[in-house]
Amino acid sequence: MNRTQKRQQGAVEKRRRKLGANRKAYDAYRERAELWSRGAVLTLRHLGDELDGDWEFGAHVPTHKHEDIAAFATHAPLRWHVTAYCACKADDGTRYIAEQSAECGQAATPNELTDLRNELMQRAHNDVNVRHIWDEYYVMRVMK
């Protein structure tokens, strides 16, 4: 290990000891992060075999906290409101959108909600002519 790697590892250990040793500090951190993440919106689209997402935050969340709150909300179990949108364009040029939504009753991470997202998208597909599908996307909002 070179000097930079040792320094980084030392910083990680120091941070872990600081948070791990004091349960009260850890709980306060988690409570603040959950407070900041309320109302955050994750928009997901399929790009090939992967999902690509963009986060949107309320005006009350400082800009410098966006990346950290997005990382927290991605990995922490939270309650979500999921909406699947199926945008369609008919042969005559008219456009319409089918949407299906559901609330997740228990705390889960976005990756654990794959089955729910797929089920909602399948229901949206059942409402439209499959030949007209132009775009599909999901909007996931962190609930209070």
Foldseek 3Di string as FASTA:
>chain_A
DDPVVVVVVVVVVVVCCVPVVDVVVVVVVVVVLLVQQAFKKWKWFDDDPDIDIDIDGDPVHDPVCVVVSVVCLQPWFAKKKKKKKFWFADPVGDIDIFMDIDIDPGTDHPVVCPVVRVVRVVVRPVVDPVVGGDGIMMMMGGHD
